[in-house]
Amino acid sequence: MGRCRTNGNSMAEPISIAQYFPWDGGAIFVGTGGMFPVHAHQAIQICFLFEGHIRLRANDRDPWLEYDLAIVPSQQTHAMDGARTHYGATIFVEPETREGRVLTERYGNHGIADADRTPVKEVLPTLLAAALERRGRPAIVAQARRVVQLLTQHAQPAVTSDERILRAVKYVNDHLSAPITLTEVARMACLSPSRFRHLFAEQTGMALRQYILWRRFVSVWEHRMNGESLSTAAHAAGFADSAHLTRTSRRMIGIPPSLMDIVTVSAAASPEADLSPDPPSSSPNTAAQPGSNAADT
């Protein structure tokens, strides 16, 4: 009863079973995960296993590489592979935030970075315990944000985000369920549509339409966390239909949303919630350890 099954082929095993909790400027998936094909998305991604190494590669031609703590830049193509039997976490950081800009300046110029986990080493057992004991959003988000803070060391970026773009981002996030036009968002930023279009792409690295789609996609998982069905979550997040969500999901995390099993808030609060799928018959990471690959995106 701990699992919140998504709509779709009921015979297909989920690739990931995870708790999901967002905050302003970021989010965390923590649980177990398998192999996510090559994809790319707007958020900077911090991912790791609580014990052992996570495997990533930039494309299908490259060999898999092991990472102690991987930092994937915004829009960087990548695939992620885990045994589905070990706990891990994927933390999203939006690139327009202070932390996102610092991470980009430190790690964003050379593809997928293998960061030293020493600065966050003491936080990880607390984060893992919060997830295993189903302590819920406040405890898990606090530790996830602590990981981000330790990696950025409260530094200030060389270039800060334009306040007009931050206002526009807030407006988008507050109106995801309704139609959003360039003209109305530009008005919130006190700019002409043409000037806003240029500045938004300069500040975020993507067009407004792409950004809205990304934020709607992320919003789906919050609706799923609150117990809504996949079709209801898609509609509430502003997608035209489930097919539109599925196409977006394949592009942004490499798999259809039906293969992401998000534990509901009520289930996450229950010690009986089962976050572990049956182990695969063979995997390069199948050594029995208490760590795992979390849901990647």
C-alpha atoms as a PDB file:
ATOM      1  CA  MET A   1       0.000   0.000   0.000  1.00  0.00           C
ATOM      2  CA  GLY A   2       3.056   2.273   0.328  1.00  0.00           C
ATOM      3  CA  ARG A   3       3.468   2.658  -3.422  1.00  0.00           C
ATOM      4  CA  CYS A   4       1.562   5.165  -5.490  1.00  0.00           C
ATOM      5  CA  ARG A   5       1.275   3.512  -8.897  1.00  0.00           C
ATOM      6  CA  THR A   6       1.140   5.669 -11.985  1.00  0.00           C
ATOM      7  CA  ASN A   7      -1.259   5.115 -14.836  1.00  0.00           C
ATOM      8  CA  GLY A   8       0.019   3.114 -17.768  1.00  0.00           C
ATOM      9  CA  ASN A   9       1.030  -0.452 -18.392  1.00  0.00           C
ATOM     10  CA  SER A  10       0.429  -2.207 -15.107  1.00  0.00           C
ATOM     11  CA  MET A  11       2.785  -5.010 -16.152  1.00  0.00           C
ATOM     12  CA  ALA A  12       5.787  -2.665 -16.410  1.00  0.00           C
ATOM     13  CA  GLU A  13       8.035  -2.428 -13.364  1.00  0.00           C
ATOM     14  CA  PRO A  14       8.710   1.149 -12.276  1.00  0.00           C
ATOM     15  CA  ILE A  15      12.214   2.380 -13.007  1.00  0.00           C
ATOM     16  CA  SER A  16      12.160   4.526  -9.899  1.00  0.00           C
ATOM     17  CA  ILE A  17      10.299   4.480  -6.585  1.00  0.00           C
ATOM     18  CA  ALA A  18      10.959   7.673  -4.686  1.00  0.00           C
ATOM     19  CA  GLN A  19       9.744  10.359  -2.361  1.00  0.00           C
ATOM     20  CA  TYR A  20       9.589  13.763  -4.025  1.00  0.00           C
ATOM     21  CA  PHE A  21       9.627  17.141  -2.311  1.00  0.00           C
ATOM     22  CA  PRO A  22      10.015  20.559  -3.983  1.00  0.00           C
ATOM     23  CA  TRP A  23      10.985  23.952  -2.610  1.00  0.00           C
ATOM     24  CA  ASP A  24      11.322  27.391  -4.156  1.00  0.00           C
ATOM     25  CA  GLY A  25      14.224  26.953  -6.587  1.00  0.00           C
ATOM     26  CA  GLY A  26      14.787  23.232  -6.206  1.00  0.00           C
ATOM     27  CA  ALA A  27      13.487  19.736  -5.485  1.00  0.00           C
ATOM     28  CA  ILE A  28      14.653  16.309  -4.379  1.00  0.00           C
ATOM     29  CA  PHE A  29      13.857  12.768  -5.432  1.00  0.00           C
ATOM     30  CA  VAL A  30      15.102  10.277  -2.836  1.00  0.00           C
ATOM     31  CA  GLY A  31      14.611   6.536  -3.130  1.00  0.00           C
ATOM     32  CA  THR A  32      15.633   3.842  -5.579  1.00  0.00           C
ATOM     33  CA  GLY A  33      16.112   4.006  -9.316  1.00  0.00           C
ATOM     34  CA  GLY A  34      17.224   2.084 -12.381  1.00  0.00           C
ATOM     35  CA  MET A  35      18.494   3.147 -15.793  1.00  0.00           C
ATOM     36  CA  PHE A  36      17.351   6.414 -17.350  1.00  0.00           C
ATOM     37  CA  PRO A  37      18.181   6.775 -21.068  1.00  0.00           C
ATOM     38  CA  VAL A  38      19.836   9.891 -22.459  1.00  0.00           C
ATOM     39  CA  HIS A  39      17.856  13.062 -21.786  1.00  0.00           C
ATOM     40  CA  ALA A  40      18.315  16.706 -20.820  1.00  0.00           C
ATOM     41  CA  HIS A  41      16.430  19.205 -18.682  1.00  0.00           C
ATOM     42  CA  GLN A  42      16.540  22.754 -17.372  1.00  0.00           C
ATOM     43  CA  ALA A  43      17.609  22.074 -13.790  1.00  0.00           C
ATOM     44  CA  ILE A  44      21.144  21.515 -12.600  1.00  0.00           C
ATOM     45  CA  GLN A  45      21.237  17.990 -11.205  1.00  0.00           C
ATOM     46  CA  ILE A  46      23.167  16.792  -8.164  1.00  0.00           C
ATOM     47  CA  CYS A  47      22.999  13.008  -7.842  1.00  0.00           C
ATOM     48  CA  PHE A  48      24.681  10.367  -5.718  1.00  0.00           C
ATOM     49  CA  LEU A  49      24.316   7.039  -3.976  1.00  0.00           C
ATOM     50  CA  PHE A  50      24.454   7.081  -0.205  1.00  0.00           C
ATOM     51  CA  GLU A  51      27.047   4.303  -0.485  1.00  0.00           C
ATOM     52  CA  GLY A  52      29.036   3.473  -3.584  1.00  0.00           C
ATOM     53  CA  HIS A  53      29.198   5.286  -6.897  1.00  0.00           C
ATOM     54  CA  ILE A  54      26.548   6.374  -9.362  1.00  0.00           C
ATOM     55  CA  ARG A  55      27.058   5.735 -13.092  1.00  0.00           C
ATOM     56  CA  LEU A  56      26.438   8.348 -15.771  1.00  0.00           C
ATOM     57  CA  ARG A  57      27.384   9.056 -19.349  1.00  0.00           C
ATOM     58  CA  ALA A  58      26.795  12.004 -21.659  1.00  0.00           C
ATOM     59  CA  ASN A  59      25.523   9.989 -24.630  1.00  0.00           C
ATOM     60  CA  ASP A  60      24.978   6.429 -25.840  1.00  0.00           C
ATOM     61  CA  ARG A  61      28.427   6.280 -27.480  1.00  0.00           C
ATOM     62  CA  ASP A  62      30.378   7.070 -24.329  1.00  0.00           C
ATOM     63  CA  PRO A  63      31.294   4.452 -21.729  1.00  0.00           C
ATOM     64  CA  TRP A  64      29.590   4.525 -18.356  1.00  0.00           C
ATOM     65  CA  LEU A  65      31.651   6.373 -15.732  1.00  0.00           C
ATOM     66  CA  GLU A  66      31.368   6.130 -11.961  1.00  0.00           C
ATOM     67  CA  TYR A  67      30.851   9.293  -9.918  1.00  0.00           C
ATOM     68  CA  ASP A  68      31.182   9.868  -6.193  1.00  0.00           C
ATOM     69  CA  LEU A  69      28.849  12.854  -6.422  1.00  0.00           C
ATOM     70  CA  ALA A  70      27.830  13.965  -9.906  1.00  0.00           C
ATOM     71  CA  ILE A  71      26.818  17.487 -10.904  1.00  0.00           C
ATOM     72  CA  VAL A  72      25.069  17.693 -14.266  1.00  0.00           C
ATOM     73  CA  PRO A  73      24.827  21.196 -15.794  1.00  0.00           C
ATOM     74  CA  SER A  74      21.559  22.631 -17.070  1.00  0.00           C
ATOM     75  CA  GLN A  75      20.682  21.283 -20.550  1.00  0.00           C
ATOM     76  CA  GLN A  76      23.524  18.731 -20.402  1.00  0.00           C
ATOM     77  CA  THR A  77      22.533  15.451 -22.060  1.00  0.00           C
ATOM     78  CA  HIS A  78      23.089  12.489 -19.770  1.00  0.00           C
ATOM     79  CA  ALA A  79      21.980   8.974 -18.938  1.00  0.00           C
ATOM     80  CA  MET A  80      22.004   7.567 -15.411  1.00  0.00           C
ATOM     81  CA  ASP A  81      22.225   3.948 -14.338  1.00  0.00           C
ATOM     82  CA  GLY A  82      21.614   2.343 -10.954  1.00  0.00           C
ATOM     83  CA  ALA A  83      20.857  -1.115  -9.622  1.00  0.00           C
ATOM     84  CA  ARG A  84      17.379  -0.204  -8.308  1.00  0.00           C
ATOM     85  CA  THR A  85      18.360  -1.846  -5.020  1.00  0.00           C
ATOM     86  CA  HIS A  86      20.370   0.971  -3.401  1.00  0.00           C
ATOM     87  CA  TYR A  87      19.221   4.271  -1.983  1.00  0.00           C
ATOM     88  CA  GLY A  88      20.315   7.534  -3.514  1.00  0.00           C
ATOM     89  CA  ALA A  89      19.140  11.040  -4.256  1.00  0.00           C
ATOM     90  CA  THR A  90      18.753  13.424  -7.149  1.00  0.00           C
ATOM     91  CA  ILE A  91      18.567  17.092  -6.241  1.00  0.00           C
ATOM     92  CA  PHE A  92      17.407  19.681  -8.770  1.00  0.00           C
ATOM     93  CA  VAL A  93      18.623  23.273  -8.540  1.00  0.00           C
ATOM     94  CA  GLU A  94      17.126  25.853 -10.883  1.00  0.00           C
ATOM     95  CA  PRO A  95      19.952  27.665 -12.724  1.00  0.00           C
ATOM     96  CA  GLU A  96      18.516  31.171 -12.265  1.00  0.00           C
ATOM     97  CA  THR A  97      18.784  30.919  -8.440  1.00  0.00           C
ATOM     98  CA  ARG A  98      21.849  32.106  -6.530  1.00  0.00           C
ATOM     99  CA  GLU A  99      22.864  28.528  -5.784  1.00  0.00           C
ATOM    100  CA  GLY A 100      22.292  27.555  -9.408  1.00  0.00           C
ATOM    101  CA  ARG A 101      24.532  30.331 -10.683  1.00  0.00           C
ATOM    102  CA  VAL A 102      27.302  29.381  -8.239  1.00  0.00           C
ATOM    103  CA  LEU A 103      27.086  25.706  -9.244  1.00  0.00           C
ATOM    104  CA  THR A 104      27.219  26.680 -12.912  1.00  0.00           C
ATOM    105  CA  GLU A 105      30.297  28.842 -12.367  1.00  0.00           C
ATOM    106  CA  ARG A 106      32.061  26.080 -10.432  1.00  0.00           C
ATOM    107  CA  TYR A 107      31.034  22.947 -12.288  1.00  0.00           C
ATOM    108  CA  GLY A 108      29.194  23.881 -15.466  1.00  0.00           C
ATOM    109  CA  ASN A 109      31.973  24.268 -18.019  1.00  0.00           C
ATOM    110  CA  HIS A 110      33.186  20.699 -18.471  1.00  0.00           C
ATOM    111  CA  GLY A 111      30.134  18.475 -18.850  1.00  0.00           C
ATOM    112  CA  ILE A 112      29.208  16.077 -16.053  1.00  0.00           C
ATOM    113  CA  ALA A 113      31.428  16.894 -13.059  1.00  0.00           C
ATOM    114  CA  ASP A 114      32.645  14.462 -10.414  1.00  0.00           C
ATOM    115  CA  ALA A 115      32.529  16.564  -7.253  1.00  0.00           C
ATOM    116  CA  ASP A 116      34.195  15.800  -3.951  1.00  0.00           C
ATOM    117  CA  ARG A 117      31.532  14.657  -1.490  1.00  0.00           C
ATOM    118  CA  THR A 118      33.669  15.554   1.536  1.00  0.00           C
ATOM    119  CA  PRO A 119      31.873  18.883   2.187  1.00  0.00           C
ATOM    120  CA  VAL A 120      28.490  17.113   2.400  1.00  0.00           C
ATOM    121  CA  LYS A 121      29.612  13.801   3.890  1.00  0.00           C
ATOM    122  CA  GLU A 122      28.282  14.481   7.379  1.00  0.00           C
ATOM    123  CA  VAL A 123      24.852  15.512   6.076  1.00  0.00           C
ATOM    124  CA  LEU A 124      24.164  12.410   3.985  1.00  0.00           C
ATOM    125  CA  PRO A 125      23.436   9.981   6.887  1.00  0.00           C
ATOM    126  CA  THR A 126      20.874  12.444   8.245  1.00  0.00           C
ATOM    127  CA  LEU A 127      19.244  12.793   4.822  1.00  0.00           C
ATOM    128  CA  LEU A 128      19.151   9.023   4.383  1.00  0.00           C
ATOM    129  CA  ALA A 129      17.637   8.516   7.854  1.00  0.00           C
ATOM    130  CA  ALA A 130      14.969  11.138   7.139  1.00  0.00           C
ATOM    131  CA  ALA A 131      14.030   9.297   3.941  1.00  0.00           C
ATOM    132  CA  LEU A 132      14.071   5.791   5.437  1.00  0.00           C
ATOM    133  CA  GLU A 133      12.044   6.896   8.465  1.00  0.00           C
ATOM    134  CA  ARG A 134       9.542   8.782   6.251  1.00  0.00           C
ATOM    135  CA  ARG A 135       9.942  12.022   8.193  1.00  0.00           C
ATOM    136  CA  GLY A 136       8.283  14.005   5.414  1.00  0.00           C
ATOM    137  CA  ARG A 137       8.878  17.270   3.606  1.00  0.00           C
ATOM    138  CA  PRO A 138      10.363  19.541   6.337  1.00  0.00           C
ATOM    139  CA  ALA A 139      13.079  17.107   7.412  1.00  0.00           C
ATOM    140  CA  ILE A 140      14.027  15.907   3.928  1.00  0.00           C
ATOM    141  CA  VAL A 141      13.972  19.342   2.301  1.00  0.00           C
ATOM    142  CA  ALA A 142      16.077  20.820   5.125  1.00  0.00           C
ATOM    143  CA  GLN A 143      18.819  18.242   4.560  1.00  0.00           C
ATOM    144  CA  ALA A 144      18.639  18.487   0.764  1.00  0.00           C
ATOM    145  CA  ARG A 145      19.019  22.262   0.940  1.00  0.00           C
ATOM    146  CA  ARG A 146      21.900  21.791   3.337  1.00  0.00           C
ATOM    147  CA  VAL A 147      23.664  19.676   0.693  1.00  0.00           C
ATOM    148  CA  VAL A 148      23.234  22.482  -1.845  1.00  0.00           C
ATOM    149  CA  GLN A 149      24.416  25.109   0.652  1.00  0.00           C
ATOM    150  CA  LEU A 150      27.554  23.156   1.495  1.00  0.00           C
ATOM    151  CA  LEU A 151      28.400  22.661  -2.177  1.00  0.00           C
ATOM    152  CA  THR A 152      27.984  26.386  -2.879  1.00  0.00           C
ATOM    153  CA  GLN A 153      29.397  27.514   0.501  1.00  0.00           C
ATOM    154  CA  HIS A 154      27.038  30.495   0.630  1.00  0.00           C
ATOM    155  CA  ALA A 155      29.106  32.118  -2.138  1.00  0.00           C
ATOM    156  CA  GLN A 156      27.770  34.899  -4.307  1.00  0.00           C
ATOM    157  CA  PRO A 157      27.845  34.359  -8.075  1.00  0.00           C
ATOM    158  CA  ALA A 158      29.861  36.636 -10.319  1.00  0.00           C
ATOM    159  CA  VAL A 159      26.644  37.479 -12.204  1.00  0.00           C
ATOM    160  CA  THR A 160      23.299  37.671 -10.395  1.00  0.00           C
ATOM    161  CA  SER A 161      19.897  37.027 -11.916  1.00  0.00           C
ATOM    162  CA  ASP A 162      17.943  40.045 -13.132  1.00  0.00           C
ATOM    163  CA  GLU A 163      15.116  40.905 -10.719  1.00  0.00           C
ATOM    164  CA  ARG A 164      12.721  41.282 -13.662  1.00  0.00           C
ATOM    165  CA  ILE A 165      13.386  37.698 -14.710  1.00  0.00           C
ATOM    166  CA  LEU A 166      12.912  36.472 -11.145  1.00  0.00           C
ATOM    167  CA  ARG A 167       9.514  38.209 -11.074  1.00  0.00           C
ATOM    168  CA  ALA A 168       8.619  36.549 -14.359  1.00  0.00           C
ATOM    169  CA  VAL A 169       9.672  33.143 -13.050  1.00  0.00           C
ATOM    170  CA  LYS A 170       7.493  33.587  -9.974  1.00  0.00           C
ATOM    171  CA  TYR A 171       4.541  34.573 -12.143  1.00  0.00           C
ATOM    172  CA  VAL A 172       4.981  31.473 -14.311  1.00  0.00           C
ATOM    173  CA  ASN A 173       5.169  29.185 -11.298  1.00  0.00           C
ATOM    174  CA  ASP A 174       2.053  30.761  -9.790  1.00  0.00           C
ATOM    175  CA  HIS A 175      -0.011  30.275 -12.977  1.00  0.00           C
ATOM    176  CA  LEU A 176       1.032  26.885 -14.350  1.00  0.00           C
ATOM    177  CA  SER A 177      -2.491  25.497 -14.520  1.00  0.00           C
ATOM    178  CA  ALA A 178      -3.696  28.331 -16.779  1.00  0.00           C
ATOM    179  CA  PRO A 179      -2.614  29.427 -20.268  1.00  0.00           C
ATOM    180  CA  ILE A 180       0.481  31.665 -20.106  1.00  0.00           C
ATOM    181  CA  THR A 181       1.478  34.046 -22.886  1.00  0.00           C
ATOM    182  CA  LEU A 182       4.713  35.855 -23.632  1.00  0.00           C
ATOM    183  CA  THR A 183       2.890  39.191 -23.562  1.00  0.00           C
ATOM    184  CA  GLU A 184       1.503  38.787 -20.051  1.00  0.00           C
ATOM    185  CA  VAL A 185       4.794  37.524 -18.586  1.00  0.00           C
ATOM    186  CA  ALA A 186       6.690  40.369 -20.268  1.00  0.00           C
ATOM    187  CA  ARG A 187       4.207  42.792 -18.722  1.00  0.00           C
ATOM    188  CA  MET A 188       5.018  41.423 -15.256  1.00  0.00           C
ATOM    189  CA  ALA A 189       8.683  42.143 -15.985  1.00  0.00           C
ATOM    190  CA  CYS A 190       7.863  45.656 -17.252  1.00  0.00           C
ATOM    191  CA  LEU A 191       9.455  44.889 -20.618  1.00  0.00           C
ATOM    192  CA  SER A 192       8.329  44.706 -24.207  1.00  0.00           C
ATOM    193  CA  PRO A 193       7.757  41.148 -25.468  1.00  0.00           C
ATOM    194  CA  SER A 194      10.785  41.319 -27.781  1.00  0.00           C
ATOM    195  CA  ARG A 195      13.128  42.654 -25.073  1.00  0.00           C
ATOM    196  CA  PHE A 196      11.784  40.182 -22.535  1.00  0.00           C
ATOM    197  CA  ARG A 197      12.262  37.248 -24.931  1.00  0.00           C
ATOM    198  CA  HIS A 198      15.914  38.153 -25.395  1.00  0.00           C
ATOM    199  CA  LEU A 199      16.615  38.808 -21.708  1.00  0.00           C
ATOM    200  CA  PHE A 200      14.836  35.656 -20.534  1.00  0.00           C
ATOM    201  CA  ALA A 201      16.869  33.435 -22.880  1.00  0.00           C
ATOM    202  CA  GLU A 202      20.060  35.218 -21.836  1.00  0.00           C
ATOM    203  CA  GLN A 203      19.329  34.729 -18.134  1.00  0.00           C
ATOM    204  CA  THR A 204      17.929  31.192 -18.152  1.00  0.00           C
ATOM    205  CA  GLY A 205      19.504  29.602 -21.219  1.00  0.00           C
ATOM    206  CA  MET A 206      16.163  28.704 -22.774  1.00  0.00           C
ATOM    207  CA  ALA A 207      13.065  30.212 -24.348  1.00  0.00           C
ATOM    208  CA  LEU A 208      10.059  31.083 -22.189  1.00  0.00           C
ATOM    209  CA  ARG A 209       7.932  28.368 -23.797  1.00  0.00           C
ATOM    210  CA  GLN A 210      10.517  25.699 -22.950  1.00  0.00           C
ATOM    211  CA  TYR A 211      10.794  26.997 -19.400  1.00  0.00           C
ATOM    212  CA  ILE A 212       7.026  26.871 -18.874  1.00  0.00           C
ATOM    213  CA  LEU A 213       6.992  23.284 -20.129  1.00  0.00           C
ATOM    214  CA  TRP A 214       9.779  22.341 -17.706  1.00  0.00           C
ATOM    215  CA  ARG A 215       8.029  23.919 -14.754  1.00  0.00           C
ATOM    216  CA  ARG A 216       4.748  22.198 -15.665  1.00  0.00           C
ATOM    217  CA  PHE A 217       6.584  18.899 -15.861  1.00  0.00           C
ATOM    218  CA  VAL A 218       8.122  19.357 -12.414  1.00  0.00           C
ATOM    219  CA  SER A 219       4.727  20.385 -11.072  1.00  0.00           C
ATOM    220  CA  VAL A 220       3.292  17.001 -12.095  1.00  0.00           C
ATOM    221  CA  TRP A 221       5.380  15.228  -9.452  1.00  0.00           C
ATOM    222  CA  GLU A 222       4.121  17.493  -6.695  1.00  0.00           C
ATOM    223  CA  HIS A 223       0.554  16.642  -7.700  1.00  0.00           C
ATOM    224  CA  ARG A 224       1.487  12.951  -7.732  1.00  0.00           C
ATOM    225  CA  MET A 225       3.063  13.317  -4.295  1.00  0.00           C
ATOM    226  CA  ASN A 226      -0.298  14.647  -3.086  1.00  0.00           C
ATOM    227  CA  GLY A 227      -2.042  11.495  -4.332  1.00  0.00           C
ATOM    228  CA  GLU A 228      -3.498  12.643  -7.649  1.00  0.00           C
ATOM    229  CA  SER A 229      -3.721  10.271 -10.603  1.00  0.00           C
ATOM    230  CA  LEU A 230      -1.345  10.791 -13.516  1.00  0.00           C
ATOM    231  CA  SER A 231      -4.092  12.147 -15.788  1.00  0.00           C
ATOM    232  CA  THR A 232      -5.370  14.514 -13.091  1.00  0.00           C
ATOM    233  CA  ALA A 233      -1.832  15.676 -12.312  1.00  0.00           C
ATOM    234  CA  ALA A 234      -1.171  16.330 -16.013  1.00  0.00           C
ATOM    235  CA  HIS A 235      -4.289  18.479 -16.295  1.00  0.00           C
ATOM    236  CA  ALA A 236      -3.590  20.336 -13.045  1.00  0.00           C
ATOM    237  CA  ALA A 237      -0.048  21.119 -14.211  1.00  0.00           C
ATOM    238  CA  GLY A 238      -1.327  22.648 -17.442  1.00  0.00           C
ATOM    239  CA  PHE A 239      -0.678  19.859 -19.956  1.00  0.00           C
ATOM    240  CA  ALA A 240      -3.182  19.449 -22.774  1.00  0.00           C
ATOM    241  CA  ASP A 241      -3.490  15.731 -22.074  1.00  0.00           C
ATOM    242  CA  SER A 242      -1.572  12.685 -20.822  1.00  0.00           C
ATOM    243  CA  ALA A 243      -0.003  12.136 -24.253  1.00  0.00           C
ATOM    244  CA  HIS A 244       1.556  15.606 -24.116  1.00  0.00           C
ATOM    245  CA  LEU A 245       2.951  14.822 -20.660  1.00  0.00           C
ATOM    246  CA  THR A 246       4.371  11.507 -21.875  1.00  0.00           C
ATOM    247  CA  ARG A 247       6.202  13.152 -24.785  1.00  0.00           C
ATOM    248  CA  THR A 248       7.619  15.773 -22.453  1.00  0.00           C
ATOM    249  CA  SER A 249       8.659  13.163 -19.893  1.00  0.00           C
ATOM    250  CA  ARG A 250      10.557  11.098 -22.458  1.00  0.00           C
ATOM    251  CA  ARG A 251      12.474  14.180 -23.525  1.00  0.00           C
ATOM    252  CA  MET A 252      13.200  15.490 -20.034  1.00  0.00           C
ATOM    253  CA  ILE A 253      13.913  12.322 -18.042  1.00  0.00           C
ATOM    254  CA  GLY A 254      14.162   9.655 -20.750  1.00  0.00           C
ATOM    255  CA  ILE A 255      11.169   7.568 -19.693  1.00  0.00           C
ATOM    256  CA  PRO A 256       7.352   7.831 -19.667  1.00  0.00           C
ATOM    257  CA  PRO A 257       5.843   9.138 -16.420  1.00  0.00           C
ATOM    258  CA  SER A 258       4.125   5.804 -15.821  1.00  0.00           C
ATOM    259  CA  LEU A 259       7.538   4.337 -14.897  1.00  0.00           C
ATOM    260  CA  MET A 260       8.049   6.865 -12.088  1.00  0.00           C
ATOM    261  CA  ASP A 261       6.454   5.650  -8.879  1.00  0.00           C
ATOM    262  CA  ILE A 262       6.044   8.620  -6.521  1.00  0.00           C
ATOM    263  CA  VAL A 263       5.255   7.846  -2.892  1.00  0.00           C
ATOM    264  CA  THR A 264       2.303   9.920  -1.689  1.00  0.00           C
ATOM    265  CA  VAL A 265       2.600  12.200   1.322  1.00  0.00           C
ATOM    266  CA  SER A 266       0.414   9.882   3.432  1.00  0.00           C
ATOM    267  CA  ALA A 267       2.405   6.814   2.407  1.00  0.00           C
ATOM    268  CA  ALA A 268       5.727   8.580   2.937  1.00  0.00           C
ATOM    269  CA  ALA A 269       4.658   9.273   6.512  1.00  0.00           C
ATOM    270  CA  SER A 270       4.022   5.573   7.106  1.00  0.00           C
ATOM    271  CA  PRO A 271       6.804   3.230   8.274  1.00  0.00           C
ATOM    272  CA  GLU A 272       5.155   0.506   6.210  1.00  0.00           C
ATOM    273  CA  ALA A 273       5.722   2.381   2.914  1.00  0.00           C
ATOM    274  CA  ASP A 274       7.709   0.169   0.549  1.00  0.00           C
ATOM    275  CA  LEU A 275      10.174   2.072  -1.615  1.00  0.00           C
ATOM    276  CA  SER A 276      12.167  -0.912  -2.844  1.00  0.00           C
ATOM    277  CA  PRO A 277      11.278  -2.752  -6.067  1.00  0.00           C
ATOM    278  CA  ASP A 278      12.288  -6.335  -6.645  1.00  0.00           C
ATOM    279  CA  PRO A 279      15.999  -6.399  -7.487  1.00  0.00           C
ATOM    280  CA  PRO A 280      16.883  -6.971 -11.164  1.00  0.00           C
ATOM    281  CA  SER A 281      18.376 -10.278 -12.213  1.00  0.00           C
ATOM    282  CA  SER A 282      21.693  -8.652 -13.066  1.00  0.00           C
ATOM    283  CA  SER A 283      23.186  -5.177 -12.778  1.00  0.00           C
ATOM    284  CA  PRO A 284      26.639  -3.664 -12.537  1.00  0.00           C
ATOM    285  CA  ASN A 285      25.747  -2.224  -9.126  1.00  0.00           C
ATOM    286  CA  THR A 286      24.005  -5.158  -7.474  1.00  0.00           C
ATOM    287  CA  ALA A 287      26.332  -5.520  -4.493  1.00  0.00           C
ATOM    288  CA  ALA A 288      24.134  -5.413  -1.394  1.00  0.00           C
ATOM    289  CA  GLN A 289      24.672  -1.959   0.054  1.00  0.00           C
ATOM    290  CA  PRO A 290      22.325   0.485   1.769  1.00  0.00           C
ATOM    291  CA  GLY A 291      22.486   3.149  -0.916  1.00  0.00           C
ATOM    292  CA  SER A 292      20.704   3.677  -4.253  1.00  0.00           C
ATOM    293  CA  ASN A 293      20.210   5.550  -7.357  1.00  0.00           C
ATOM    294  CA  ALA A 294      17.326   7.942  -6.903  1.00  0.00           C
ATOM    295  CA  ALA A 295      14.871   9.069  -9.473  1.00  0.00           C
ATOM    296  CA  ASP A 296      16.822  10.987 -12.093  1.00  0.00           C
ATOM    297  CA  THR A 297      15.453  13.686 -14.227  1.00  0.00           C
END
